[in-house]
């Protein structure tokens, strides 16, 4: 049986993904987000767990 990390599809990131995350964090939609880590790495972080 594959682990969760082995099932994750790794996507090569694009600068647009980072820009979209930044724009969202600067918007009113993210007004309740504080002290959080938001990895924008195409799922690469999930391979660590």
C-alpha atoms as a PDB file:
ATOM      1  CA  UNK A   1       0.000   0.000   0.000  1.00  0.00           C
ATOM      2  CA  UNK A   2       1.334   3.429  -0.911  1.00  0.00           C
ATOM      3  CA  UNK A   3       1.761   6.072   1.740  1.00  0.00           C
ATOM      4  CA  UNK A   4       0.047   9.427   1.453  1.00  0.00           C
ATOM      5  CA  UNK A   5       3.282  11.073   0.321  1.00  0.00           C
ATOM      6  CA  UNK A   6       3.685   8.547  -2.483  1.00  0.00           C
ATOM      7  CA  UNK A   7       0.189   9.331  -3.784  1.00  0.00           C
ATOM      8  CA  UNK A   8       0.753  13.079  -3.992  1.00  0.00           C
ATOM      9  CA  UNK A   9       1.247  14.442  -7.491  1.00  0.00           C
ATOM     10  CA  UNK A  10       4.099  16.920  -7.526  1.00  0.00           C
ATOM     11  CA  UNK A  11       3.376  19.946  -9.694  1.00  0.00           C
ATOM     12  CA  UNK A  12       6.107  22.272 -10.833  1.00  0.00           C
ATOM     13  CA  UNK A  13       5.233  25.652  -9.433  1.00  0.00           C
ATOM     14  CA  UNK A  14       4.698  28.758 -11.451  1.00  0.00           C
ATOM     15  CA  UNK A  15       5.077  32.334 -10.365  1.00  0.00           C
ATOM     16  CA  UNK A  16       1.357  32.817 -10.937  1.00  0.00           C
ATOM     17  CA  UNK A  17       0.638  30.455  -8.033  1.00  0.00           C
ATOM     18  CA  UNK A  18       2.711  32.559  -5.696  1.00  0.00           C
ATOM     19  CA  UNK A  19       1.089  35.732  -7.012  1.00  0.00           C
ATOM     20  CA  UNK A  20      -2.399  34.327  -6.493  1.00  0.00           C
ATOM     21  CA  UNK A  21      -1.582  33.256  -2.932  1.00  0.00           C
ATOM     22  CA  UNK A  22      -0.120  36.688  -2.194  1.00  0.00           C
ATOM     23  CA  UNK A  23      -3.133  38.469  -3.667  1.00  0.00           C
ATOM     24  CA  UNK A  24      -5.484  36.304  -1.602  1.00  0.00           C
ATOM     25  CA  UNK A  25      -3.544  36.978   1.603  1.00  0.00           C
ATOM     26  CA  UNK A  26      -3.762  40.719   0.903  1.00  0.00           C
ATOM     27  CA  UNK A  27      -7.513  40.550   0.259  1.00  0.00           C
ATOM     28  CA  UNK A  28     -10.410  40.860   2.689  1.00  0.00           C
ATOM     29  CA  UNK A  29     -11.092  37.134   2.196  1.00  0.00           C
ATOM     30  CA  UNK A  30      -8.030  36.355   4.334  1.00  0.00           C
ATOM     31  CA  UNK A  31      -8.863  38.831   7.096  1.00  0.00           C
ATOM     32  CA  UNK A  32      -9.016  36.071   9.738  1.00  0.00           C
ATOM     33  CA  UNK A  33      -5.724  34.436   8.723  1.00  0.00           C
ATOM     34  CA  UNK A  34      -2.850  35.193  11.065  1.00  0.00           C
ATOM     35  CA  UNK A  35       0.165  33.268  12.263  1.00  0.00           C
ATOM     36  CA  UNK A  36      -0.268  30.591   9.606  1.00  0.00           C
ATOM     37  CA  UNK A  37       2.252  29.050   7.253  1.00  0.00           C
ATOM     38  CA  UNK A  38       0.939  28.801   3.707  1.00  0.00           C
ATOM     39  CA  UNK A  39       3.322  26.690   1.641  1.00  0.00           C
ATOM     40  CA  UNK A  40       3.068  27.420  -2.075  1.00  0.00           C
ATOM     41  CA  UNK A  41       5.336  24.682  -3.369  1.00  0.00           C
ATOM     42  CA  UNK A  42       3.227  22.427  -5.582  1.00  0.00           C
ATOM     43  CA  UNK A  43       2.870  19.800  -2.841  1.00  0.00           C
ATOM     44  CA  UNK A  44       6.586  19.365  -2.253  1.00  0.00           C
ATOM     45  CA  UNK A  45       6.177  19.885   1.507  1.00  0.00           C
ATOM     46  CA  UNK A  46       3.900  16.851   1.805  1.00  0.00           C
ATOM     47  CA  UNK A  47       6.784  14.540   0.985  1.00  0.00           C
ATOM     48  CA  UNK A  48       8.378  15.491   4.317  1.00  0.00           C
ATOM     49  CA  UNK A  49       5.629  13.788   6.360  1.00  0.00           C
END
